[in-house]
Amino acid sequence: KSDITQIFTNGKKADELYQKYQEPATGMKAICLPSTSPANAAWHLDK
């Protein structure tokens, strides 16, 4: 129902789960982005 050309995952866990559950059904590769969670302290806001 949309014009999605790219899927992004917010963090490694989302990417892992996407690859396991959705990618086989969609056939679309996702680009994994670093998590915006405060638990991801290695990545400051600017980075």
All heavy atoms as atom14 arrays in JSON, in Angstrom:
{
  "sequence": "KSDITQIFTNGKKADELYQKYQEPATGMKAICLPSTSPANAAWHLDK",
  "atom14_mask": [
    [1, 1, 1, 1, 1, 1, 1, 1, 1, 0, 0, 0, 0, 0],
    [1, 1, 1, 1, 1, 1, 0, 0, 0, 0, 0, 0, 0, 0],
    [1, 1, 1, 1, 1, 1, 1, 1, 0, 0, 0, 0, 0, 0],
    [1, 1, 1, 1, 1, 1, 1, 1, 0, 0, 0, 0, 0, 0],
    [1, 1, 1, 1, 1, 1, 1, 0, 0, 0, 0, 0, 0, 0],
    [1, 1, 1, 1, 1, 1, 1, 1, 1, 0, 0, 0, 0, 0],
    [1, 1, 1, 1, 1, 1, 1, 1, 0, 0, 0, 0, 0, 0],
    [1, 1, 1, 1, 1, 1, 1, 1, 1, 1, 1, 0, 0, 0],
    [1, 1, 1, 1, 1, 1, 1, 0, 0, 0, 0, 0, 0, 0],
    [1, 1, 1, 1, 1, 1, 1, 1, 0, 0, 0, 0, 0, 0],
    [1, 1, 1, 1, 0, 0, 0, 0, 0, 0, 0, 0, 0, 0],
    [1, 1, 1, 1, 1, 1, 1, 1, 1, 0, 0, 0, 0, 0],
    [1, 1, 1, 1, 1, 1, 1, 1, 1, 0, 0, 0, 0, 0],
    [1, 1, 1, 1, 1, 0, 0, 0, 0, 0, 0, 0, 0, 0],
    [1, 1, 1, 1, 1, 1, 1, 1, 0, 0, 0, 0, 0, 0],
    [1, 1, 1, 1, 1, 1, 1, 1, 1, 0, 0, 0, 0, 0],
    [1, 1, 1, 1, 1, 1, 1, 1, 0, 0, 0, 0, 0, 0],
    [1, 1, 1, 1, 1, 1, 1, 1, 1, 1, 1, 1, 0, 0],
    [1, 1, 1, 1, 1, 1, 1, 1, 1, 0, 0, 0, 0, 0],
    [1, 1, 1, 1, 1, 1, 1, 1, 1, 0, 0, 0, 0, 0],
    [1, 1, 1, 1, 1, 1, 1, 1, 1, 1, 1, 1, 0, 0],
    [1, 1, 1, 1, 1, 1, 1, 1, 1, 0, 0, 0, 0, 0],
    [1, 1, 1, 1, 1, 1, 1, 1, 1, 0, 0, 0, 0, 0],
    [1, 1, 1, 1, 1, 1, 1, 0, 0, 0, 0, 0, 0, 0],
    [1, 1, 1, 1, 1, 0, 0, 0, 0, 0, 0, 0, 0, 0],
    [1, 1, 1, 1, 1, 1, 1, 0, 0, 0, 0, 0, 0, 0],
    [1, 1, 1, 1, 0, 0, 0, 0, 0, 0, 0, 0, 0, 0],
    [1, 1, 1, 1, 1, 1, 1, 1, 0, 0, 0, 0, 0, 0],
    [1, 1, 1, 1, 1, 1, 1, 1, 1, 0, 0, 0, 0, 0],
    [1, 1, 1, 1, 1, 0, 0, 0, 0, 0, 0, 0, 0, 0],
    [1, 1, 1, 1, 1, 1, 1, 1, 0, 0, 0, 0, 0, 0],
    [1, 1, 1, 1, 1, 1, 0, 0, 0, 0, 0, 0, 0, 0],
    [1, 1, 1, 1, 1, 1, 1, 1, 0, 0, 0, 0, 0, 0],
    [1, 1, 1, 1, 1, 1, 1, 0, 0, 0, 0, 0, 0, 0],
    [1, 1, 1, 1, 1, 1, 0, 0, 0, 0, 0, 0, 0, 0],
    [1, 1, 1, 1, 1, 1, 1, 0, 0, 0, 0, 0, 0, 0],
    [1, 1, 1, 1, 1, 1, 0, 0, 0, 0, 0, 0, 0, 0],
    [1, 1, 1, 1, 1, 1, 1, 0, 0, 0, 0, 0, 0, 0],
    [1, 1, 1, 1, 1, 0, 0, 0, 0, 0, 0, 0, 0, 0],
    [1, 1, 1, 1, 1, 1, 1, 1, 0, 0, 0, 0, 0, 0],
    [1, 1, 1, 1, 1, 0, 0, 0, 0, 0, 0, 0, 0, 0],
    [1, 1, 1, 1, 1, 0, 0, 0, 0, 0, 0, 0, 0, 0],
    [1, 1, 1, 1, 1, 1, 1, 1, 1, 1, 1, 1, 1, 1],
    [1, 1, 1, 1, 1, 1, 1, 1, 1, 1, 0, 0, 0, 0],
    [1, 1, 1, 1, 1, 1, 1, 1, 0, 0, 0, 0, 0, 0],
    [1, 1, 1, 1, 1, 1, 1, 1, 0, 0, 0, 0, 0, 0],
    [1, 1, 1, 1, 1, 1, 1, 1, 1, 0, 0, 0, 0, 0]
  ],
  "atom14_positions": [
    [[0.81, -1.23, 0.0], [0.0, 0.0, 0.0], [0.84, 1.27, 0.0], [0.32, 2.36, 0.25], [-0.91, 0.0, 1.23], [-1.93, -1.11, 1.22], [-2.7, -1.15, 2.52], [-3.59, -2.37, 2.57], [-4.13, -2.59, 3.91], [0.0, 0.0, 0.0], [0.0, 0.0, 0.0], [0.0, 0.0, 0.0], [0.0, 0.0, 0.0], [0.0, 0.0, 0.0]],
    [[2.13, 1.16, -0.25], [3.02, 2.33, -0.24], [4.02, 2.21, -1.38], [3.94, 1.29, -2.19], [3.74, 2.42, 1.1], [4.6, 1.3, 1.26], [0.0, 0.0, 0.0], [0.0, 0.0, 0.0], [0.0, 0.0, 0.0], [0.0, 0.0, 0.0], [0.0, 0.0, 0.0], [0.0, 0.0, 0.0], [0.0, 0.0, 0.0], [0.0, 0.0, 0.0]],
    [[4.94, 3.13, -1.41], [5.97, 3.16, -2.45], [7.35, 2.96, -1.82], [8.3, 3.67, -2.14], [5.88, 4.5, -3.2], [6.66, 4.49, -4.5], [6.94, 3.4, -5.02], [7.01, 5.59, -4.98], [0.0, 0.0, 0.0], [0.0, 0.0, 0.0], [0.0, 0.0, 0.0], [0.0, 0.0, 0.0], [0.0, 0.0, 0.0], [0.0, 0.0, 0.0]],
    [[7.45, 2.02, -0.88], [8.7, 1.77, -0.16], [9.78, 1.28, -1.13], [9.59, 0.3, -1.84], [8.5, 0.72, 0.97], [7.44, 1.17, 1.97], [9.84, 0.39, 1.65], [7.77, 2.39, 2.78], [0.0, 0.0, 0.0], [0.0, 0.0, 0.0], [0.0, 0.0, 0.0], [0.0, 0.0, 0.0], [0.0, 0.0, 0.0], [0.0, 0.0, 0.0]],
    [[10.91, 2.0, -1.13], [12.04, 1.59, -1.96], [13.21, 1.05, -1.12], [14.1, 0.41, -1.66], [12.55, 2.76, -2.83], [12.91, 3.84, -1.97], [11.48, 3.2, -3.82], [0.0, 0.0, 0.0], [0.0, 0.0, 0.0], [0.0, 0.0, 0.0], [0.0, 0.0, 0.0], [0.0, 0.0, 0.0], [0.0, 0.0, 0.0], [0.0, 0.0, 0.0]],
    [[13.18, 1.34, 0.2], [14.26, 0.86, 1.07], [13.74, 0.66, 2.48], [12.95, 1.45, 2.98], [15.43, 1.83, 1.09], [16.62, 1.36, 1.9], [17.2, 0.05, 1.4], [17.57, -0.06, 0.23], [17.27, -0.96, 2.26], [0.0, 0.0, 0.0], [0.0, 0.0, 0.0], [0.0, 0.0, 0.0], [0.0, 0.0, 0.0], [0.0, 0.0, 0.0]],
    [[14.22, -0.4, 3.1], [13.92, -0.7, 4.5], [15.19, -0.49, 5.31], [16.28, -0.91, 4.9], [13.4, -2.14, 4.66], [12.07, -2.31, 3.9], [13.24, -2.51, 6.14], [11.58, -3.74, 3.8], [0.0, 0.0, 0.0], [0.0, 0.0, 0.0], [0.0, 0.0, 0.0], [0.0, 0.0, 0.0], [0.0, 0.0, 0.0], [0.0, 0.0, 0.0]],
    [[15.03, 0.18, 6.45], [16.12, 0.38, 7.4], [15.73, -0.27, 8.71], [14.56, -0.24, 9.1], [16.37, 1.87, 7.65], [16.86, 2.61, 6.44], [15.96, 3.22, 5.59], [18.21, 2.68, 6.16], [16.41, 3.92, 4.47], [18.66, 3.37, 5.04], [17.76, 3.98, 4.19], [0.0, 0.0, 0.0], [0.0, 0.0, 0.0], [0.0, 0.0, 0.0]],
    [[16.7, -0.82, 9.41], [16.45, -1.35, 10.74], [17.2, -0.49, 11.74], [18.33, -0.05, 11.49], [16.9, -2.82, 10.86], [18.25, -2.96, 10.41], [15.98, -3.73, 10.04], [0.0, 0.0, 0.0], [0.0, 0.0, 0.0], [0.0, 0.0, 0.0], [0.0, 0.0, 0.0], [0.0, 0.0, 0.0], [0.0, 0.0, 0.0], [0.0, 0.0, 0.0]],
    [[16.55, -0.23, 12.87], [17.13, 0.6, 13.92], [17.8, -0.32, 14.94], [17.19, -0.75, 15.9], [16.04, 1.45, 14.58], [16.59, 2.44, 15.58], [17.78, 2.46, 15.87], [15.71, 3.25, 16.13], [0.0, 0.0, 0.0], [0.0, 0.0, 0.0], [0.0, 0.0, 0.0], [0.0, 0.0, 0.0], [0.0, 0.0, 0.0], [0.0, 0.0, 0.0]],
    [[19.04, -0.65, 14.67], [19.82, -1.47, 15.59], [19.99, -2.91, 15.14], [19.27, -3.41, 14.27], [0.0, 0.0, 0.0], [0.0, 0.0, 0.0], [0.0, 0.0, 0.0], [0.0, 0.0, 0.0], [0.0, 0.0, 0.0], [0.0, 0.0, 0.0], [0.0, 0.0, 0.0], [0.0, 0.0, 0.0], [0.0, 0.0, 0.0], [0.0, 0.0, 0.0]],
    [[20.95, -3.57, 15.76], [21.32, -4.94, 15.37], [20.22, -5.96, 15.65], [20.02, -6.89, 14.88], [22.62, -5.34, 16.07], [23.82, -4.6, 15.54], [25.09, -4.98, 16.28], [26.24, -4.14, 15.77], [27.45, -4.33, 16.57], [0.0, 0.0, 0.0], [0.0, 0.0, 0.0], [0.0, 0.0, 0.0], [0.0, 0.0, 0.0], [0.0, 0.0, 0.0]],
    [[19.52, -5.81, 16.78], [18.48, -6.78, 17.1], [17.34, -6.69, 16.09], [16.85, -7.72, 15.6], [17.95, -6.57, 18.52], [16.98, -7.65, 18.96], [17.65, -9.02, 19.03], [16.74, -10.06, 19.66], [17.44, -11.33, 19.88], [0.0, 0.0, 0.0], [0.0, 0.0, 0.0], [0.0, 0.0, 0.0], [0.0, 0.0, 0.0], [0.0, 0.0, 0.0]],
    [[16.92, -5.49, 15.74], [15.88, -5.32, 14.72], [16.34, -5.91, 13.4], [15.56, -6.57, 12.7], [15.52, -3.85, 14.57], [0.0, 0.0, 0.0], [0.0, 0.0, 0.0], [0.0, 0.0, 0.0], [0.0, 0.0, 0.0], [0.0, 0.0, 0.0], [0.0, 0.0, 0.0], [0.0, 0.0, 0.0], [0.0, 0.0, 0.0], [0.0, 0.0, 0.0]],
    [[17.61, -5.71, 13.05], [18.14, -6.24, 11.8], [18.16, -7.76, 11.81], [17.76, -8.41, 10.84], [19.54, -5.68, 11.54], [19.98, -5.92, 10.12], [19.31, -5.41, 9.19], [20.98, -6.64, 9.92], [0.0, 0.0, 0.0], [0.0, 0.0, 0.0], [0.0, 0.0, 0.0], [0.0, 0.0, 0.0], [0.0, 0.0, 0.0], [0.0, 0.0, 0.0]],
    [[18.63, -8.33, 12.9], [18.67, -9.79, 13.05], [17.26, -10.38, 12.9], [17.05, -11.36, 12.18], [19.25, -10.13, 14.42], [19.16, -11.58, 14.83], [19.5, -11.74, 16.31], [20.5, -11.15, 16.76], [18.74, -12.44, 17.01], [0.0, 0.0, 0.0], [0.0, 0.0, 0.0], [0.0, 0.0, 0.0], [0.0, 0.0, 0.0], [0.0, 0.0, 0.0]],
    [[16.3, -9.78, 13.57], [14.91, -10.26, 13.51], [14.31, -10.06, 12.12], [13.57, -10.91, 11.63], [14.07, -9.57, 14.58], [14.43, -9.9, 16.03], [13.8, -8.91, 16.99], [14.05, -11.33, 16.38], [0.0, 0.0, 0.0], [0.0, 0.0, 0.0], [0.0, 0.0, 0.0], [0.0, 0.0, 0.0], [0.0, 0.0, 0.0], [0.0, 0.0, 0.0]],
    [[14.62, -8.93, 11.49], [14.14, -8.68, 10.13], [14.66, -9.77, 9.19], [13.9, -10.34, 8.41], [14.56, -7.3, 9.63], [14.15, -7.1, 8.18], [12.85, -6.74, 7.86], [15.05, -7.33, 7.14], [12.45, -6.6, 6.54], [14.66, -7.19, 5.82], [13.37, -6.83, 5.52], [12.97, -6.71, 4.21], [0.0, 0.0, 0.0], [0.0, 0.0, 0.0]],
    [[15.96, -10.04, 9.25], [16.55, -11.05, 8.37], [15.91, -12.42, 8.59], [15.7, -13.18, 7.64], [18.06, -11.14, 8.59], [18.81, -9.96, 8.02], [20.3, -10.08, 8.26], [20.87, -11.15, 8.18], [20.94, -8.96, 8.58], [0.0, 0.0, 0.0], [0.0, 0.0, 0.0], [0.0, 0.0, 0.0], [0.0, 0.0, 0.0], [0.0, 0.0, 0.0]],
    [[15.61, -12.73, 9.82], [15.03, -14.04, 10.15], [13.57, -14.15, 9.71], [13.17, -15.17, 9.14], [15.13, -14.28, 11.66], [14.57, -15.61, 12.11], [14.77, -15.81, 13.6], [14.21, -17.15, 14.06], [14.45, -17.37, 15.49], [0.0, 0.0, 0.0], [0.0, 0.0, 0.0], [0.0, 0.0, 0.0], [0.0, 0.0, 0.0], [0.0, 0.0, 0.0]],
    [[12.78, -13.11, 9.96], [11.34, -13.22, 9.77], [10.78, -12.53, 8.52], [9.89, -13.06, 7.87], [10.6, -12.63, 10.98], [10.79, -13.42, 12.24], [11.45, -12.86, 13.33], [10.32, -14.72, 12.37], [11.63, -13.58, 14.51], [10.49, -15.44, 13.52], [11.14, -14.87, 14.6], [11.3, -15.58, 15.76], [0.0, 0.0, 0.0], [0.0, 0.0, 0.0]],
    [[11.25, -11.34, 8.19], [10.62, -10.6, 7.1], [11.33, -10.7, 5.76], [10.67, -10.75, 4.73], [10.45, -9.11, 7.47], [9.18, -8.84, 8.21], [9.41, -8.76, 9.7], [10.47, -9.09, 10.19], [8.4, -8.34, 10.42], [0.0, 0.0, 0.0], [0.0, 0.0, 0.0], [0.0, 0.0, 0.0], [0.0, 0.0, 0.0], [0.0, 0.0, 0.0]],
    [[12.64, -10.69, 5.78], [13.36, -10.71, 4.51], [12.97, -11.88, 3.61], [12.78, -11.69, 2.4], [14.87, -10.68, 4.74], [15.65, -10.47, 3.45], [17.14, -10.36, 3.68], [17.56, -9.59, 4.56], [17.88, -11.05, 2.97], [0.0, 0.0, 0.0], [0.0, 0.0, 0.0], [0.0, 0.0, 0.0], [0.0, 0.0, 0.0], [0.0, 0.0, 0.0]],
    [[12.81, -13.09, 4.15], [12.38, -14.19, 3.27], [11.02, -13.94, 2.6], [10.81, -14.34, 1.46], [12.31, -15.4, 4.21], [13.25, -15.06, 5.33], [13.11, -13.56, 5.5], [0.0, 0.0, 0.0], [0.0, 0.0, 0.0], [0.0, 0.0, 0.0], [0.0, 0.0, 0.0], [0.0, 0.0, 0.0], [0.0, 0.0, 0.0], [0.0, 0.0, 0.0]],
    [[10.14, -13.23, 3.29], [8.81, -12.96, 2.73], [8.81, -11.77, 1.77], [8.04, -11.75, 0.8], [7.81, -12.71, 3.86], [0.0, 0.0, 0.0], [0.0, 0.0, 0.0], [0.0, 0.0, 0.0], [0.0, 0.0, 0.0], [0.0, 0.0, 0.0], [0.0, 0.0, 0.0], [0.0, 0.0, 0.0], [0.0, 0.0, 0.0], [0.0, 0.0, 0.0]],
    [[9.67, -10.78, 2.02], [9.66, -9.56, 1.21], [10.68, -9.59, 0.08], [10.49, -8.92, -0.92], [9.97, -8.32, 2.07], [11.32, -8.4, 2.54], [9.0, -8.18, 3.23], [0.0, 0.0, 0.0], [0.0, 0.0, 0.0], [0.0, 0.0, 0.0], [0.0, 0.0, 0.0], [0.0, 0.0, 0.0], [0.0, 0.0, 0.0], [0.0, 0.0, 0.0]],
    [[11.77, -10.32, 0.28], [12.85, -10.33, -0.69], [13.65, -9.04, -0.71], [14.5, -8.84, -1.57], [0.0, 0.0, 0.0], [0.0, 0.0, 0.0], [0.0, 0.0, 0.0], [0.0, 0.0, 0.0], [0.0, 0.0, 0.0], [0.0, 0.0, 0.0], [0.0, 0.0, 0.0], [0.0, 0.0, 0.0], [0.0, 0.0, 0.0], [0.0, 0.0, 0.0]],
    [[13.39, -8.14, 0.26], [14.1, -6.86, 0.32], [15.17, -6.89, 1.4], [14.89, -7.25, 2.53], [13.12, -5.72, 0.62], [12.15, -5.42, -0.48], [11.03, -4.05, -0.05], [12.15, -2.65, -0.2], [0.0, 0.0, 0.0], [0.0, 0.0, 0.0], [0.0, 0.0, 0.0], [0.0, 0.0, 0.0], [0.0, 0.0, 0.0], [0.0, 0.0, 0.0]],
    [[16.38, -6.5, 1.03], [17.45, -6.36, 2.0], [17.24, -5.08, 2.79], [16.82, -4.06, 2.23], [18.81, -6.29, 1.31], [19.2, -7.56, 0.6], [19.99, -8.44, 1.51], [20.5, -9.65, 0.75], [20.56, -10.81, 1.61], [0.0, 0.0, 0.0], [0.0, 0.0, 0.0], [0.0, 0.0, 0.0], [0.0, 0.0, 0.0], [0.0, 0.0, 0.0]],
    [[17.53, -5.13, 4.07], [17.45, -3.93, 4.91], [18.85, -3.38, 5.15], [19.84, -4.13, 5.12], [16.8, -4.26, 6.24], [0.0, 0.0, 0.0], [0.0, 0.0, 0.0], [0.0, 0.0, 0.0], [0.0, 0.0, 0.0], [0.0, 0.0, 0.0], [0.0, 0.0, 0.0], [0.0, 0.0, 0.0], [0.0, 0.0, 0.0], [0.0, 0.0, 0.0]],
    [[18.93, -2.1, 5.37], [20.18, -1.46, 5.79], [20.09, -1.28, 7.29], [19.16, -0.66, 7.81], [20.38, -0.11, 5.08], [20.54, -0.31, 3.58], [21.58, 0.63, 5.68], [20.57, 0.99, 2.77], [0.0, 0.0, 0.0], [0.0, 0.0, 0.0], [0.0, 0.0, 0.0], [0.0, 0.0, 0.0], [0.0, 0.0, 0.0], [0.0, 0.0, 0.0]],
    [[21.07, -1.83, 8.0], [21.09, -1.74, 9.46], [21.77, -0.44, 9.88], [22.91, -0.18, 9.53], [21.83, -2.94, 10.05], [21.88, -2.95, 11.86], [0.0, 0.0, 0.0], [0.0, 0.0, 0.0], [0.0, 0.0, 0.0], [0.0, 0.0, 0.0], [0.0, 0.0, 0.0], [0.0, 0.0, 0.0], [0.0, 0.0, 0.0], [0.0, 0.0, 0.0]],
    [[21.01, 0.36, 10.63], [21.53, 1.6, 11.18], [21.84, 1.41, 12.66], [21.2, 0.58, 13.32], [20.49, 2.72, 11.01], [20.16, 3.07, 9.55], [18.95, 3.98, 9.49], [21.35, 3.71, 8.88], [0.0, 0.0, 0.0], [0.0, 0.0, 0.0], [0.0, 0.0, 0.0], [0.0, 0.0, 0.0], [0.0, 0.0, 0.0], [0.0, 0.0, 0.0]],
    [[22.8, 2.15, 13.2], [23.09, 2.02, 14.62], [21.88, 2.44, 15.45], [21.18, 3.4, 15.11], [24.28, 2.96, 14.84], [24.34, 3.83, 13.65], [23.66, 3.14, 12.53], [0.0, 0.0, 0.0], [0.0, 0.0, 0.0], [0.0, 0.0, 0.0], [0.0, 0.0, 0.0], [0.0, 0.0, 0.0], [0.0, 0.0, 0.0], [0.0, 0.0, 0.0]],
    [[21.66, 1.72, 16.51], [20.5, 1.96, 17.37], [20.51, 3.34, 18.0], [21.55, 3.83, 18.43], [20.47, 0.91, 18.49], [19.42, 1.19, 19.39], [0.0, 0.0, 0.0], [0.0, 0.0, 0.0], [0.0, 0.0, 0.0], [0.0, 0.0, 0.0], [0.0, 0.0, 0.0], [0.0, 0.0, 0.0], [0.0, 0.0, 0.0], [0.0, 0.0, 0.0]],
    [[19.32, 3.93, 18.06], [19.16, 5.24, 18.71], [18.9, 5.09, 20.21], [18.74, 6.08, 20.91], [18.01, 6.03, 18.07], [16.8, 5.27, 18.18], [18.32, 6.35, 16.61], [0.0, 0.0, 0.0], [0.0, 0.0, 0.0], [0.0, 0.0, 0.0], [0.0, 0.0, 0.0], [0.0, 0.0, 0.0], [0.0, 0.0, 0.0], [0.0, 0.0, 0.0]],
    [[18.86, 3.86, 20.69], [18.61, 3.59, 22.1], [19.69, 4.23, 22.98], [20.86, 4.25, 22.61], [18.61, 2.08, 22.35], [18.68, 1.79, 23.73], [0.0, 0.0, 0.0], [0.0, 0.0, 0.0], [0.0, 0.0, 0.0], [0.0, 0.0, 0.0], [0.0, 0.0, 0.0], [0.0, 0.0, 0.0], [0.0, 0.0, 0.0], [0.0, 0.0, 0.0]],
    [[19.29, 4.7, 24.17], [20.3, 5.23, 25.09], [21.3, 4.15, 25.53], [22.4, 4.48, 25.96], [19.49, 5.76, 26.27], [18.15, 5.13, 26.16], [17.94, 4.8, 24.71], [0.0, 0.0, 0.0], [0.0, 0.0, 0.0], [0.0, 0.0, 0.0], [0.0, 0.0, 0.0], [0.0, 0.0, 0.0], [0.0, 0.0, 0.0], [0.0, 0.0, 0.0]],
    [[20.94, 2.89, 25.37], [21.86, 1.8, 25.72], [23.05, 1.74, 24.76], [24.08, 1.16, 25.07], [21.13, 0.46, 25.73], [0.0, 0.0, 0.0], [0.0, 0.0, 0.0], [0.0, 0.0, 0.0], [0.0, 0.0, 0.0], [0.0, 0.0, 0.0], [0.0, 0.0, 0.0], [0.0, 0.0, 0.0], [0.0, 0.0, 0.0], [0.0, 0.0, 0.0]],
    [[22.91, 2.34, 23.58], [23.98, 2.36, 22.59], [24.87, 3.59, 22.83], [24.93, 4.51, 22.03], [23.39, 2.39, 21.16], [24.46, 2.3, 20.1], [25.61, 1.99, 20.38], [24.06, 2.57, 18.87], [0.0, 0.0, 0.0], [0.0, 0.0, 0.0], [0.0, 0.0, 0.0], [0.0, 0.0, 0.0], [0.0, 0.0, 0.0], [0.0, 0.0, 0.0]],
    [[25.57, 3.57, 23.96], [26.37, 4.72, 24.39], [27.6, 4.95, 23.51], [28.17, 6.03, 23.52], [26.81, 4.52, 25.84], [0.0, 0.0, 0.0], [0.0, 0.0, 0.0], [0.0, 0.0, 0.0], [0.0, 0.0, 0.0], [0.0, 0.0, 0.0], [0.0, 0.0, 0.0], [0.0, 0.0, 0.0], [0.0, 0.0, 0.0], [0.0, 0.0, 0.0]],
    [[28.0, 3.95, 22.73], [29.17, 4.11, 21.86], [28.91, 5.11, 20.74], [29.86, 5.64, 20.16], [29.56, 2.76, 21.27], [0.0, 0.0, 0.0], [0.0, 0.0, 0.0], [0.0, 0.0, 0.0], [0.0, 0.0, 0.0], [0.0, 0.0, 0.0], [0.0, 0.0, 0.0], [0.0, 0.0, 0.0], [0.0, 0.0, 0.0], [0.0, 0.0, 0.0]],
    [[27.66, 5.38, 20.45], [27.3, 6.3, 19.38], [26.7, 7.56, 19.98], [25.54, 7.57, 20.4], [26.3, 5.65, 18.43], [26.92, 4.63, 17.54], [27.28, 3.36, 17.88], [27.25, 4.78, 16.16], [27.83, 2.71, 16.8], [27.81, 3.58, 15.73], [27.13, 5.83, 15.26], [28.26, 3.38, 14.43], [27.56, 5.64, 13.95], [28.12, 4.42, 13.55]],
    [[27.46, 8.67, 19.98], [26.92, 9.94, 20.46], [26.0, 10.52, 19.38], [25.99, 10.07, 18.22], [28.03, 10.9, 20.88], [29.01, 11.21, 19.79], [28.73, 12.1, 18.77], [30.25, 10.75, 19.57], [29.75, 12.16, 17.96], [30.7, 11.36, 18.42], [0.0, 0.0, 0.0], [0.0, 0.0, 0.0], [0.0, 0.0, 0.0], [0.0, 0.0, 0.0]],
    [[25.21, 11.5, 19.74], [24.17, 12.03, 18.86], [24.71, 12.49, 17.5], [24.14, 12.15, 16.46], [23.42, 13.18, 19.56], [22.25, 13.78, 18.77], [21.19, 12.74, 18.47], [21.66, 14.96, 19.53], [0.0, 0.0, 0.0], [0.0, 0.0, 0.0], [0.0, 0.0, 0.0], [0.0, 0.0, 0.0], [0.0, 0.0, 0.0], [0.0, 0.0, 0.0]],
    [[25.78, 13.25, 17.48], [26.32, 13.74, 16.2], [26.75, 12.6, 15.29], [26.51, 12.63, 14.07], [27.5, 14.69, 16.43], [27.06, 16.03, 17.01], [25.87, 16.36, 16.92], [27.92, 16.73, 17.58], [0.0, 0.0, 0.0], [0.0, 0.0, 0.0], [0.0, 0.0, 0.0], [0.0, 0.0, 0.0], [0.0, 0.0, 0.0], [0.0, 0.0, 0.0]],
    [[27.37, 11.6, 15.87], [27.82, 10.44, 15.09], [26.62, 9.67, 14.54], [26.63, 9.24, 13.38], [28.69, 9.54, 15.99], [29.37, 8.39, 15.28], [30.27, 7.63, 16.26], [30.82, 6.37, 15.65], [31.59, 5.58, 16.61], [0.0, 0.0, 0.0], [0.0, 0.0, 0.0], [0.0, 0.0, 0.0], [0.0, 0.0, 0.0], [0.0, 0.0, 0.0]]
  ]
}
